[in-house]
Amino acid sequence: MATPNAPPNGIRSKRTETKSQYKSRTADVTPEQLRKIKGYRLMAAGAIFLIVPSLELYRRLYAGGERRIQQGEWNPLDGTIKQWEEEEKIKNFKSSWLTRIFGEK
């Protein structure tokens, strides 16, 4: 039978005293609970990586949004931004692997 003050999930805490007389608590977590926690973390990370690209594709395909074209490039050596000419923008846009996969829209 469980103790009346124990939490329902089975996690218990221990009180420990340090040299500075502060009290801290550490949780007793079983390996099974750690596996569940890790699984929930992976599911949350996977959901983020699924939702963000889906929103962008929805915006472009169904909401009529257009893909942004790169306007230039950054030079890390001197920290300047080189603006491209219109022909160079179109050439880089059409040679992009994203354009080859998803089309020009």
PDB file of N, CA and C in Angstrom:
ATOM      1  N   MET A   1       0.843  -1.177   0.000  1.00  0.00           N
ATOM      2  CA  MET A   1       0.000   0.000   0.000  1.00  0.00           C
ATOM      3  C   MET A   1       0.891   1.243   0.000  1.00  0.00           C
ATOM      4  N   ALA A   2       0.504   2.222  -0.796  1.00  0.00           N
ATOM      5  CA  ALA A   2       1.309   3.428  -0.934  1.00  0.00           C
ATOM      6  C   ALA A   2       1.125   4.335   0.271  1.00  0.00           C
ATOM      7  N   THR A   3       2.134   5.135   0.503  1.00  0.00           N
ATOM      8  CA  THR A   3       2.031   6.087   1.607  1.00  0.00           C
ATOM      9  C   THR A   3       1.056   7.191   1.227  1.00  0.00           C
ATOM     10  N   PRO A   4       0.370   7.794   2.188  1.00  0.00           N
ATOM     11  CA  PRO A   4      -0.660   8.776   1.855  1.00  0.00           C
ATOM     12  C   PRO A   4      -0.110  10.046   1.209  1.00  0.00           C
ATOM     13  N   ASN A   5       1.131  10.415   1.458  1.00  0.00           N
ATOM     14  CA  ASN A   5       1.680  11.645   0.894  1.00  0.00           C
ATOM     15  C   ASN A   5       2.469  11.421  -0.388  1.00  0.00           C
ATOM     16  N   ALA A   6       2.556  10.188  -0.864  1.00  0.00           N
ATOM     17  CA  ALA A   6       3.341   9.893  -2.063  1.00  0.00           C
ATOM     18  C   ALA A   6       2.600  10.376  -3.304  1.00  0.00           C
ATOM     19  N   PRO A   7       3.318  10.937  -4.282  1.00  0.00           N
ATOM     20  CA  PRO A   7       2.665  11.357  -5.520  1.00  0.00           C
ATOM     21  C   PRO A   7       2.195  10.141  -6.308  1.00  0.00           C
ATOM     22  N   PRO A   8       1.164  10.307  -7.163  1.00  0.00           N
ATOM     23  CA  PRO A   8       0.589   9.157  -7.861  1.00  0.00           C
ATOM     24  C   PRO A   8       1.498   8.555  -8.930  1.00  0.00           C
ATOM     25  N   ASN A   9       2.473   9.306  -9.448  1.00  0.00           N
ATOM     26  CA  ASN A   9       3.316   8.784 -10.517  1.00  0.00           C
ATOM     27  C   ASN A   9       4.495   7.969 -10.007  1.00  0.00           C
ATOM     28  N   GLY A  10       4.675   7.851  -8.732  1.00  0.00           N
ATOM     29  CA  GLY A  10       5.715   7.001  -8.180  1.00  0.00           C
ATOM     30  C   GLY A  10       7.056   7.673  -7.986  1.00  0.00           C
ATOM     31  N   ILE A  11       7.191   8.943  -8.333  1.00  0.00           N
ATOM     32  CA  ILE A  11       8.464   9.638  -8.172  1.00  0.00           C
ATOM     33  C   ILE A  11       8.567  10.123  -6.732  1.00  0.00           C
ATOM     34  N   ARG A  12       9.624   9.743  -6.072  1.00  0.00           N
ATOM     35  CA  ARG A  12       9.861  10.167  -4.694  1.00  0.00           C
ATOM     36  C   ARG A  12      11.082  11.067  -4.653  1.00  0.00           C
ATOM     37  N   SER A  13      11.158  11.890  -3.670  1.00  0.00           N
ATOM     38  CA  SER A  13      12.323  12.765  -3.552  1.00  0.00           C
ATOM     39  C   SER A  13      13.024  12.511  -2.224  1.00  0.00           C
ATOM     40  N   LYS A  14      14.323  12.771  -2.232  1.00  0.00           N
ATOM     41  CA  LYS A  14      15.128  12.633  -1.020  1.00  0.00           C
ATOM     42  C   LYS A  14      15.624  14.019  -0.632  1.00  0.00           C
ATOM     43  N   ARG A  15      15.629  14.272   0.638  1.00  0.00           N
ATOM     44  CA  ARG A  15      16.184  15.535   1.110  1.00  0.00           C
ATOM     45  C   ARG A  15      17.642  15.305   1.479  1.00  0.00           C
ATOM     46  N   THR A  16      18.484  16.163   0.964  1.00  0.00           N
ATOM     47  CA  THR A  16      19.903  16.072   1.302  1.00  0.00           C
ATOM     48  C   THR A  16      20.373  17.433   1.776  1.00  0.00           C
ATOM     49  N   GLU A  17      21.278  17.444   2.710  1.00  0.00           N
ATOM     50  CA  GLU A  17      21.814  18.699   3.211  1.00  0.00           C
ATOM     51  C   GLU A  17      23.254  18.838   2.746  1.00  0.00           C
ATOM     52  N   THR A  18      23.580  20.009   2.247  1.00  0.00           N
ATOM     53  CA  THR A  18      24.942  20.289   1.812  1.00  0.00           C
ATOM     54  C   THR A  18      25.675  21.004   2.935  1.00  0.00           C
ATOM     55  N   LYS A  19      26.938  21.321   2.696  1.00  0.00           N
ATOM     56  CA  LYS A  19      27.736  21.992   3.718  1.00  0.00           C
ATOM     57  C   LYS A  19      27.189  23.374   4.049  1.00  0.00           C
ATOM     58  N   SER A  20      26.549  24.003   3.068  1.00  0.00           N
ATOM     59  CA  SER A  20      26.036  25.349   3.315  1.00  0.00           C
ATOM     60  C   SER A  20      24.629  25.336   3.898  1.00  0.00           C
ATOM     61  N   GLN A  21      24.152  24.172   4.319  1.00  0.00           N
ATOM     62  CA  GLN A  21      22.867  23.999   4.976  1.00  0.00           C
ATOM     63  C   GLN A  21      21.665  24.292   4.072  1.00  0.00           C
ATOM     64  N   TYR A  22      21.865  24.373   2.754  1.00  0.00           N
ATOM     65  CA  TYR A  22      20.731  24.489   1.843  1.00  0.00           C
ATOM     66  C   TYR A  22      20.189  23.098   1.595  1.00  0.00           C
ATOM     67  N   LYS A  23      18.905  23.004   1.387  1.00  0.00           N
ATOM     68  CA  LYS A  23      18.301  21.709   1.132  1.00  0.00           C
ATOM     69  C   LYS A  23      17.982  21.608  -0.356  1.00  0.00           C
ATOM     70  N   SER A  24      18.367  20.516  -0.937  1.00  0.00           N
ATOM     71  CA  SER A  24      18.046  20.277  -2.339  1.00  0.00           C
ATOM     72  C   SER A  24      17.309  18.957  -2.442  1.00  0.00           C
ATOM     73  N   ARG A  25      16.655  18.755  -3.542  1.00  0.00           N
ATOM     74  CA  ARG A  25      15.893  17.527  -3.746  1.00  0.00           C
ATOM     75  C   ARG A  25      16.370  16.855  -5.028  1.00  0.00           C
ATOM     76  N   THR A  26      16.491  15.558  -4.992  1.00  0.00           N
ATOM     77  CA  THR A  26      16.812  14.789  -6.181  1.00  0.00           C
ATOM     78  C   THR A  26      15.692  13.796  -6.399  1.00  0.00           C
ATOM     79  N   ALA A  27      15.330  13.578  -7.643  1.00  0.00           N
ATOM     80  CA  ALA A  27      14.216  12.684  -7.957  1.00  0.00           C
ATOM     81  C   ALA A  27      14.733  11.277  -8.202  1.00  0.00           C
ATOM     82  N   ASP A  28      14.008  10.286  -7.704  1.00  0.00           N
ATOM     83  CA  ASP A  28      14.294   8.890  -8.009  1.00  0.00           C
ATOM     84  C   ASP A  28      13.461   8.520  -9.225  1.00  0.00           C
ATOM     85  N   VAL A  29      14.099   8.435 -10.379  1.00  0.00           N
ATOM     86  CA  VAL A  29      13.397   8.133 -11.618  1.00  0.00           C
ATOM     87  C   VAL A  29      13.883   6.778 -12.103  1.00  0.00           C
ATOM     88  N   THR A  30      12.952   5.907 -12.420  1.00  0.00           N
ATOM     89  CA  THR A  30      13.315   4.567 -12.876  1.00  0.00           C
ATOM     90  C   THR A  30      13.782   4.621 -14.322  1.00  0.00           C
ATOM     91  N   PRO A  31      14.532   3.617 -14.784  1.00  0.00           N
ATOM     92  CA  PRO A  31      14.959   3.585 -16.186  1.00  0.00           C
ATOM     93  C   PRO A  31      13.779   3.564 -17.161  1.00  0.00           C
ATOM     94  N   GLU A  32      12.685   2.944 -16.766  1.00  0.00           N
ATOM     95  CA  GLU A  32      11.505   2.928 -17.639  1.00  0.00           C
ATOM     96  C   GLU A  32      10.941   4.341 -17.809  1.00  0.00           C
ATOM     97  N   GLN A  33      10.914   5.109 -16.732  1.00  0.00           N
ATOM     98  CA  GLN A  33      10.431   6.480 -16.819  1.00  0.00           C
ATOM     99  C   GLN A  33      11.381   7.341 -17.645  1.00  0.00           C
ATOM    100  N   LEU A  34      12.689   7.090 -17.541  1.00  0.00           N
ATOM    101  CA  LEU A  34      13.652   7.823 -18.358  1.00  0.00           C
ATOM    102  C   LEU A  34      13.449   7.540 -19.840  1.00  0.00           C
ATOM    103  N   ARG A  35      13.153   6.276 -20.193  1.00  0.00           N
ATOM    104  CA  ARG A  35      12.880   5.932 -21.585  1.00  0.00           C
ATOM    105  C   ARG A  35      11.643   6.661 -22.093  1.00  0.00           C
ATOM    106  N   LYS A  36      10.618   6.732 -21.260  1.00  0.00           N
ATOM    107  CA  LYS A  36       9.403   7.438 -21.662  1.00  0.00           C
ATOM    108  C   LYS A  36       9.677   8.925 -21.872  1.00  0.00           C
ATOM    109  N   ILE A  37      10.446   9.518 -20.970  1.00  0.00           N
ATOM    110  CA  ILE A  37      10.775  10.938 -21.093  1.00  0.00           C
ATOM    111  C   ILE A  37      11.560  11.189 -22.373  1.00  0.00           C
ATOM    112  N   LYS A  38      12.524  10.328 -22.666  1.00  0.00           N
ATOM    113  CA  LYS A  38      13.316  10.482 -23.887  1.00  0.00           C
ATOM    114  C   LYS A  38      12.430  10.341 -25.120  1.00  0.00           C
ATOM    115  N   GLY A  39      11.483   9.415 -25.077  1.00  0.00           N
ATOM    116  CA  GLY A  39      10.557   9.244 -26.188  1.00  0.00           C
ATOM    117  C   GLY A  39       9.698  10.475 -26.410  1.00  0.00           C
ATOM    118  N   TYR A  40       9.215  11.084 -25.331  1.00  0.00           N
ATOM    119  CA  TYR A  40       8.414  12.302 -25.461  1.00  0.00           C
ATOM    120  C   TYR A  40       9.238  13.450 -26.034  1.00  0.00           C
ATOM    121  N   ARG A  41      10.506  13.547 -25.621  1.00  0.00           N
ATOM    122  CA  ARG A  41      11.373  14.587 -26.176  1.00  0.00           C
ATOM    123  C   ARG A  41      11.571  14.395 -27.676  1.00  0.00           C
ATOM    124  N   LEU A  42      11.814  13.157 -28.095  1.00  0.00           N
ATOM    125  CA  LEU A  42      12.010  12.886 -29.518  1.00  0.00           C
ATOM    126  C   LEU A  42      10.746  13.178 -30.317  1.00  0.00           C
ATOM    127  N   MET A  43       9.583  12.857 -29.754  1.00  0.00           N
ATOM    128  CA  MET A  43       8.332  13.157 -30.455  1.00  0.00           C
ATOM    129  C   MET A  43       8.125  14.661 -30.592  1.00  0.00           C
ATOM    130  N   ALA A  44       8.448  15.425 -29.563  1.00  0.00           N
ATOM    131  CA  ALA A  44       8.301  16.881 -29.631  1.00  0.00           C
ATOM    132  C   ALA A  44       9.253  17.467 -30.675  1.00  0.00           C
ATOM    133  N   ALA A  45      10.490  16.988 -30.708  1.00  0.00           N
ATOM    134  CA  ALA A  45      11.447  17.477 -31.704  1.00  0.00           C
ATOM    135  C   ALA A  45      10.993  17.099 -33.110  1.00  0.00           C
ATOM    136  N   GLY A  46      10.489  15.889 -33.276  1.00  0.00           N
ATOM    137  CA  GLY A  46      10.000  15.466 -34.584  1.00  0.00           C
ATOM    138  C   GLY A  46       8.811  16.282 -35.037  1.00  0.00           C
ATOM    139  N   ALA A  47       7.939  16.642 -34.109  1.00  0.00           N
ATOM    140  CA  ALA A  47       6.769  17.452 -34.464  1.00  0.00           C
ATOM    141  C   ALA A  47       7.199  18.826 -34.956  1.00  0.00           C
ATOM    142  N   ILE A  48       8.216  19.403 -34.337  1.00  0.00           N
ATOM    143  CA  ILE A  48       8.701  20.714 -34.778  1.00  0.00           C
ATOM    144  C   ILE A  48       9.260  20.623 -36.190  1.00  0.00           C
ATOM    145  N   PHE A  49      10.063  19.578 -36.451  1.00  0.00           N
ATOM    146  CA  PHE A  49      10.647  19.426 -37.782  1.00  0.00           C
ATOM    147  C   PHE A  49       9.606  19.053 -38.829  1.00  0.00           C
ATOM    148  N   LEU A  50       8.443  18.631 -38.430  1.00  0.00           N
ATOM    149  CA  LEU A  50       7.363  18.327 -39.358  1.00  0.00           C
ATOM    150  C   LEU A  50       6.472  19.542 -39.586  1.00  0.00           C
ATOM    151  N   ILE A  51       6.200  20.314 -38.546  1.00  0.00           N
ATOM    152  CA  ILE A  51       5.256  21.427 -38.638  1.00  0.00           C
ATOM    153  C   ILE A  51       5.838  22.617 -39.397  1.00  0.00           C
ATOM    154  N   VAL A  52       7.067  22.999 -39.128  1.00  0.00           N
ATOM    155  CA  VAL A  52       7.642  24.196 -39.746  1.00  0.00           C
ATOM    156  C   VAL A  52       7.708  24.081 -41.272  1.00  0.00           C
ATOM    157  N   PRO A  53       8.250  23.014 -41.857  1.00  0.00           N
ATOM    158  CA  PRO A  53       8.235  22.920 -43.319  1.00  0.00           C
ATOM    159  C   PRO A  53       6.821  22.803 -43.884  1.00  0.00           C
ATOM    160  N   SER A  54       5.918  22.157 -43.148  1.00  0.00           N
ATOM    161  CA  SER A  54       4.543  22.029 -43.625  1.00  0.00           C
ATOM    162  C   SER A  54       3.874  23.394 -43.735  1.00  0.00           C
ATOM    163  N   LEU A  55       4.123  24.265 -42.774  1.00  0.00           N
ATOM    164  CA  LEU A  55       3.549  25.608 -42.842  1.00  0.00           C
ATOM    165  C   LEU A  55       4.070  26.375 -44.052  1.00  0.00           C
ATOM    166  N   GLU A  56       5.359  26.258 -44.329  1.00  0.00           N
ATOM    167  CA  GLU A  56       5.938  26.950 -45.482  1.00  0.00           C
ATOM    168  C   GLU A  56       5.382  26.398 -46.793  1.00  0.00           C
ATOM    169  N   LEU A  57       5.269  25.079 -46.896  1.00  0.00           N
ATOM    170  CA  LEU A  57       4.699  24.498 -48.115  1.00  0.00           C
ATOM    171  C   LEU A  57       3.235  24.882 -48.277  1.00  0.00           C
ATOM    172  N   TYR A  58       2.471  24.912 -47.193  1.00  0.00           N
ATOM    173  CA  TYR A  58       1.073  25.333 -47.264  1.00  0.00           C
ATOM    174  C   TYR A  58       0.988  26.773 -47.742  1.00  0.00           C
ATOM    175  N   ARG A  59       1.835  27.639 -47.194  1.00  0.00           N
ATOM    176  CA  ARG A  59       1.820  29.044 -47.601  1.00  0.00           C
ATOM    177  C   ARG A  59       2.104  29.197 -49.084  1.00  0.00           C
ATOM    178  N   ARG A  60       3.045  28.406 -49.586  1.00  0.00           N
ATOM    179  CA  ARG A  60       3.415  28.537 -50.992  1.00  0.00           C
ATOM    180  C   ARG A  60       2.427  27.878 -51.931  1.00  0.00           C
ATOM    181  N   LEU A  61       1.899  26.703 -51.570  1.00  0.00           N
ATOM    182  CA  LEU A  61       1.050  25.967 -52.503  1.00  0.00           C
ATOM    183  C   LEU A  61      -0.413  26.385 -52.444  1.00  0.00           C
ATOM    184  N   TYR A  62      -0.955  26.621 -51.260  1.00  0.00           N
ATOM    185  CA  TYR A  62      -2.389  26.874 -51.133  1.00  0.00           C
ATOM    186  C   TYR A  62      -2.736  28.322 -50.836  1.00  0.00           C
ATOM    187  N   ALA A  63      -1.876  29.046 -50.186  1.00  0.00           N
ATOM    188  CA  ALA A  63      -2.184  30.430 -49.837  1.00  0.00           C
ATOM    189  C   ALA A  63      -1.680  31.413 -50.887  1.00  0.00           C
ATOM    190  N   GLY A  64      -1.070  30.922 -51.945  1.00  0.00           N
ATOM    191  CA  GLY A  64      -0.629  31.790 -53.030  1.00  0.00           C
ATOM    192  C   GLY A  64       0.666  32.532 -52.756  1.00  0.00           C
ATOM    193  N   GLY A  65       1.393  32.147 -51.741  1.00  0.00           N
ATOM    194  CA  GLY A  65       2.662  32.802 -51.451  1.00  0.00           C
ATOM    195  C   GLY A  65       3.726  32.389 -52.457  1.00  0.00           C
ATOM    196  N   GLU A  66       4.691  33.249 -52.641  1.00  0.00           N
ATOM    197  CA  GLU A  66       5.760  32.946 -53.585  1.00  0.00           C
ATOM    198  C   GLU A  66       7.054  32.701 -52.834  1.00  0.00           C
ATOM    199  N   ARG A  67       7.907  31.946 -53.480  1.00  0.00           N
ATOM    200  CA  ARG A  67       9.203  31.647 -52.887  1.00  0.00           C
ATOM    201  C   ARG A  67      10.093  32.878 -52.967  1.00  0.00           C
ATOM    202  N   ARG A  68      10.822  33.112 -51.918  1.00  0.00           N
ATOM    203  CA  ARG A  68      11.723  34.258 -51.895  1.00  0.00           C
ATOM    204  C   ARG A  68      12.972  33.937 -52.707  1.00  0.00           C
ATOM    205  N   ILE A  69      13.455  34.928 -53.415  1.00  0.00           N
ATOM    206  CA  ILE A  69      14.667  34.762 -54.213  1.00  0.00           C
ATOM    207  C   ILE A  69      15.815  35.422 -53.461  1.00  0.00           C
ATOM    208  N   GLN A  70      16.939  34.715 -53.388  1.00  0.00           N
ATOM    209  CA  GLN A  70      18.118  35.240 -52.698  1.00  0.00           C
ATOM    210  C   GLN A  70      18.619  36.482 -53.426  1.00  0.00           C
ATOM    211  N   GLN A  71      18.861  37.554 -52.685  1.00  0.00           N
ATOM    212  CA  GLN A  71      19.223  38.839 -53.275  1.00  0.00           C
ATOM    213  C   GLN A  71      20.730  39.045 -53.406  1.00  0.00           C
ATOM    214  N   GLY A  72      21.516  38.274 -52.689  1.00  0.00           N
ATOM    215  CA  GLY A  72      22.962  38.452 -52.724  1.00  0.00           C
ATOM    216  C   GLY A  72      23.634  37.426 -51.842  1.00  0.00           C
ATOM    217  N   GLU A  73      24.910  37.663 -51.554  1.00  0.00           N
ATOM    218  CA  GLU A  73      25.629  36.735 -50.689  1.00  0.00           C
ATOM    219  C   GLU A  73      26.540  37.510 -49.752  1.00  0.00           C
ATOM    220  N   TRP A  74      26.840  36.899 -48.615  1.00  0.00           N
ATOM    221  CA  TRP A  74      27.661  37.511 -47.583  1.00  0.00           C
ATOM    222  C   TRP A  74      29.078  36.994 -47.695  1.00  0.00           C
ATOM    223  N   ASN A  75      30.041  37.879 -47.638  1.00  0.00           N
ATOM    224  CA  ASN A  75      31.450  37.513 -47.673  1.00  0.00           C
ATOM    225  C   ASN A  75      31.965  37.478 -46.234  1.00  0.00           C
ATOM    226  N   PRO A  76      32.295  36.283 -45.701  1.00  0.00           N
ATOM    227  CA  PRO A  76      32.716  36.209 -44.299  1.00  0.00           C
ATOM    228  C   PRO A  76      34.104  36.791 -44.039  1.00  0.00           C
ATOM    229  N   LEU A  77      34.923  36.963 -45.073  1.00  0.00           N
ATOM    230  CA  LEU A  77      36.278  37.469 -44.858  1.00  0.00           C
ATOM    231  C   LEU A  77      36.284  38.932 -44.439  1.00  0.00           C
ATOM    232  N   ASP A  78      35.513  39.764 -45.155  1.00  0.00           N
ATOM    233  CA  ASP A  78      35.489  41.178 -44.793  1.00  0.00           C
ATOM    234  C   ASP A  78      34.131  41.641 -44.280  1.00  0.00           C
ATOM    235  N   GLY A  79      33.137  40.740 -44.224  1.00  0.00           N
ATOM    236  CA  GLY A  79      31.836  41.066 -43.646  1.00  0.00           C
ATOM    237  C   GLY A  79      30.938  41.907 -44.525  1.00  0.00           C
ATOM    238  N   THR A  80      31.194  41.931 -45.826  1.00  0.00           N
ATOM    239  CA  THR A  80      30.361  42.727 -46.725  1.00  0.00           C
ATOM    240  C   THR A  80      29.313  41.849 -47.397  1.00  0.00           C
ATOM    241  N   ILE A  81      28.273  42.482 -47.893  1.00  0.00           N
ATOM    242  CA  ILE A  81      27.211  41.791 -48.622  1.00  0.00           C
ATOM    243  C   ILE A  81      27.298  42.217 -50.080  1.00  0.00           C
ATOM    244  N   LYS A  82      27.417  41.230 -50.965  1.00  0.00           N
ATOM    245  CA  LYS A  82      27.482  41.502 -52.398  1.00  0.00           C
ATOM    246  C   LYS A  82      26.078  41.332 -52.973  1.00  0.00           C
ATOM    247  N   GLN A  83      25.516  42.410 -53.485  1.00  0.00           N
ATOM    248  CA  GLN A  83      24.192  42.351 -54.104  1.00  0.00           C
ATOM    249  C   GLN A  83      24.334  41.825 -55.530  1.00  0.00           C
ATOM    250  N   TRP A  84      23.449  40.897 -55.908  1.00  0.00           N
ATOM    251  CA  TRP A  84      23.498  40.318 -57.240  1.00  0.00           C
ATOM    252  C   TRP A  84      22.692  41.152 -58.229  1.00  0.00           C
ATOM    253  N   GLU A  85      23.105  41.066 -59.488  1.00  0.00           N
ATOM    254  CA  GLU A  85      22.325  41.664 -60.575  1.00  0.00           C
ATOM    255  C   GLU A  85      21.113  40.780 -60.845  1.00  0.00           C
ATOM    256  N   GLU A  86      20.153  41.304 -61.601  1.00  0.00           N
ATOM    257  CA  GLU A  86      18.907  40.572 -61.854  1.00  0.00           C
ATOM    258  C   GLU A  86      19.160  39.250 -62.592  1.00  0.00           C
ATOM    259  N   GLU A  87      20.067  39.251 -63.570  1.00  0.00           N
ATOM    260  CA  GLU A  87      20.361  38.023 -64.319  1.00  0.00           C
ATOM    261  C   GLU A  87      20.990  36.964 -63.412  1.00  0.00           C
ATOM    262  N   GLU A  88      21.863  37.416 -62.514  1.00  0.00           N
ATOM    263  CA  GLU A  88      22.528  36.497 -61.592  1.00  0.00           C
ATOM    264  C   GLU A  88      21.534  35.904 -60.592  1.00  0.00           C
ATOM    265  N   LYS A  89      20.549  36.706 -60.156  1.00  0.00           N
ATOM    266  CA  LYS A  89      19.507  36.207 -59.257  1.00  0.00           C
ATOM    267  C   LYS A  89      18.712  35.093 -59.928  1.00  0.00           C
ATOM    268  N   ILE A  90      18.316  35.322 -61.177  1.00  0.00           N
ATOM    269  CA  ILE A  90      17.508  34.332 -61.901  1.00  0.00           C
ATOM    270  C   ILE A  90      18.318  33.072 -62.166  1.00  0.00           C
ATOM    271  N   LYS A  91      19.594  33.230 -62.531  1.00  0.00           N
ATOM    272  CA  LYS A  91      20.445  32.064 -62.798  1.00  0.00           C
ATOM    273  C   LYS A  91      20.615  31.212 -61.539  1.00  0.00           C
ATOM    274  N   ASN A  92      20.883  31.842 -60.411  1.00  0.00           N
ATOM    275  CA  ASN A  92      21.048  31.104 -59.154  1.00  0.00           C
ATOM    276  C   ASN A  92      19.743  30.480 -58.691  1.00  0.00           C
ATOM    277  N   PHE A  93      18.621  31.157 -58.934  1.00  0.00           N
ATOM    278  CA  PHE A  93      17.315  30.626 -58.554  1.00  0.00           C
ATOM    279  C   PHE A  93      16.993  29.366 -59.354  1.00  0.00           C
ATOM    280  N   LYS A  94      17.231  29.403 -60.661  1.00  0.00           N
ATOM    281  CA  LYS A  94      16.887  28.254 -61.506  1.00  0.00           C
ATOM    282  C   LYS A  94      17.852  27.087 -61.333  1.00  0.00           C
ATOM    283  N   SER A  95      19.080  27.349 -60.903  1.00  0.00           N
ATOM    284  CA  SER A  95      20.036  26.257 -60.717  1.00  0.00           C
ATOM    285  C   SER A  95      19.983  25.670 -59.301  1.00  0.00           C
ATOM    286  N   SER A  96      19.122  26.195 -58.458  1.00  0.00           N
ATOM    287  CA  SER A  96      19.003  25.712 -57.082  1.00  0.00           C
ATOM    288  C   SER A  96      18.367  24.328 -57.060  1.00  0.00           C
ATOM    289  N   TRP A  97      18.806  23.467 -56.139  1.00  0.00           N
ATOM    290  CA  TRP A  97      18.226  22.124 -56.052  1.00  0.00           C
ATOM    291  C   TRP A  97      16.805  22.173 -55.511  1.00  0.00           C
ATOM    292  N   LEU A  98      16.458  23.193 -54.715  1.00  0.00           N
ATOM    293  CA  LEU A  98      15.073  23.337 -54.256  1.00  0.00           C
ATOM    294  C   LEU A  98      14.137  23.648 -55.416  1.00  0.00           C
ATOM    295  N   THR A  99      14.611  24.459 -56.378  1.00  0.00           N
ATOM    296  CA  THR A  99      13.797  24.759 -57.553  1.00  0.00           C
ATOM    297  C   THR A  99      13.610  23.506 -58.393  1.00  0.00           C
ATOM    298  N   ARG A 100      14.630  22.687 -58.488  1.00  0.00           N
ATOM    299  CA  ARG A 100      14.500  21.446 -59.259  1.00  0.00           C
ATOM    300  C   ARG A 100      13.509  20.485 -58.618  1.00  0.00           C
ATOM    301  N   ILE A 101      13.448  20.460 -57.294  1.00  0.00           N
ATOM    302  CA  ILE A 101      12.538  19.540 -56.601  1.00  0.00           C
ATOM    303  C   ILE A 101      11.108  20.072 -56.593  1.00  0.00           C
ATOM    304  N   PHE A 102      10.907  21.337 -56.191  1.00  0.00           N
ATOM    305  CA  PHE A 102       9.566  21.869 -55.958  1.00  0.00           C
ATOM    306  C   PHE A 102       9.032  22.736 -57.089  1.00  0.00           C
ATOM    307  N   GLY A 103       9.843  23.042 -58.072  1.00  0.00           N
ATOM    308  CA  GLY A 103       9.380  23.904 -59.152  1.00  0.00           C
ATOM    309  C   GLY A 103       9.638  25.370 -58.831  1.00  0.00           C
ATOM    310  N   GLU A 104       9.249  26.226 -59.764  1.00  0.00           N
ATOM    311  CA  GLU A 104       9.569  27.648 -59.635  1.00  0.00           C
ATOM    312  C   GLU A 104       8.548  28.436 -58.844  1.00  0.00           C
ATOM    313  N   LYS A 105       7.444  27.853 -58.446  1.00  0.00           N
ATOM    314  CA  LYS A 105       6.441  28.603 -57.699  1.00  0.00           C
ATOM    315  C   LYS A 105       6.880  28.843 -56.281  1.00  0.00           C
TER     316      LYS A 105
END
